[in-house]
Protein backbone atom coordinates (compact mmCIF):
# COMPACT_ATOMS: atom_id res chain seq x y z
CA MET A 1 0.25 0.27 0.16
CA ALA A 2 1.14 3.43 -0.73
CA LYS A 3 2.19 5.71 1.84
CA PRO A 4 -0.01 9.08 1.76
CA ASP A 5 1.19 11.93 0.33
CA ASP A 6 2.81 14.30 3.43
CA ARG A 7 3.86 17.98 2.06
CA SER A 8 3.64 19.24 5.02
CA ASP A 9 7.41 19.91 5.55
CA ASN A 10 8.16 20.83 2.17
CA VAL A 11 8.15 24.09 2.81
CA GLN A 12 10.80 23.68 4.69
CA LYS A 13 12.67 21.58 2.90
CA LEU A 14 12.56 23.68 0.10
CA SER A 15 14.02 26.43 2.03
CA LYS A 16 17.11 24.21 2.92
CA HIS A 17 17.84 23.64 -0.51
CA ILE A 18 17.68 26.99 -0.84
CA SER A 19 20.25 27.72 1.58
CA ASN A 20 22.32 24.84 0.31
CA THR A 21 22.04 26.14 -3.40
CA ILE A 22 23.65 29.79 -2.24
CA GLN A 23 26.22 28.29 -0.22
CA ASN A 24 27.34 26.76 -3.24
CA PHE A 25 27.12 29.38 -5.56
CA ARG A 26 28.50 31.79 -3.47
CA GLU A 27 31.44 29.43 -2.66
CA GLY A 28 31.55 29.08 -6.73
CA GLN A 29 31.73 32.85 -7.11
CA ASP A 30 34.76 32.92 -4.19
CA TYR A 31 36.63 30.21 -5.95
CA LEU A 32 36.21 32.63 -9.56
CA SER A 33 37.60 35.42 -7.36
CA GLU A 34 40.12 33.74 -5.48
CA HIS A 35 42.09 31.71 -7.70
CA ALA A 36 41.21 33.63 -11.41
CA ASP A 37 44.64 33.53 -12.60
CA GLU A 38 45.39 29.92 -11.78
CA ILE A 39 42.19 28.18 -13.68
CA SER A 40 41.73 28.20 -17.22
CA GLY A 41 38.94 29.62 -19.23
CA THR A 42 37.00 26.62 -19.59
CA GLU A 43 37.10 26.05 -15.93
CA LYS A 44 36.01 29.52 -15.09
CA GLN A 45 33.49 28.90 -17.99
CA GLN A 46 31.69 25.89 -16.37
CA ILE A 47 31.81 27.51 -12.94
CA GLU A 48 29.69 30.20 -14.45
CA ASP A 49 27.14 28.18 -15.96
CA LYS A 50 26.75 26.18 -12.86
CA ASN A 51 25.85 29.52 -11.30
CA LYS A 52 23.81 30.60 -13.59
CA LYS A 53 22.09 27.34 -13.57
CA ARG A 54 21.83 27.73 -9.15
CA LEU A 55 20.38 31.44 -9.52
CA LYS A 56 17.56 29.71 -11.58
CA SER A 57 17.56 26.58 -9.34
CA ILE A 58 16.61 29.49 -6.87
CA GLU A 59 14.22 30.81 -8.43
CA GLY A 60 12.37 27.30 -8.74
CA PHE A 61 12.44 27.10 -5.28
CA ARG A 62 11.13 30.28 -4.43
CA GLU A 63 7.98 29.89 -6.64
CA GLU A 64 7.63 26.28 -5.36
CA ILE A 65 7.76 27.45 -1.64
CA LYS A 66 4.86 30.46 -3.59
CA ASP A 67 2.77 27.42 -4.28
CA GLU A 68 3.15 25.35 -1.29
CA LYS A 69 1.94 27.84 1.11
CA SER A 70 -0.81 28.81 -1.39
CA ASP A 71 -2.04 25.25 -1.14
CA GLN A 72 -1.69 25.29 2.32
CA GLN A 73 -4.15 28.19 3.22
């Protein structure tokens, strides 16, 4: 038998995902600034691309939180 769909902690989980993604974004930015002279153009581009994806993910998580909050009301 399938477990019931418990969405009561989705906002909390999404908030944690946002925090983790922001931390990864900042670490990427710090790495770029601290090692700018040491990394290749390819590596720099890969980190920049990852950070763009992270920003989109954060935006998506925030939209999901809005949806979850409106569903809970």
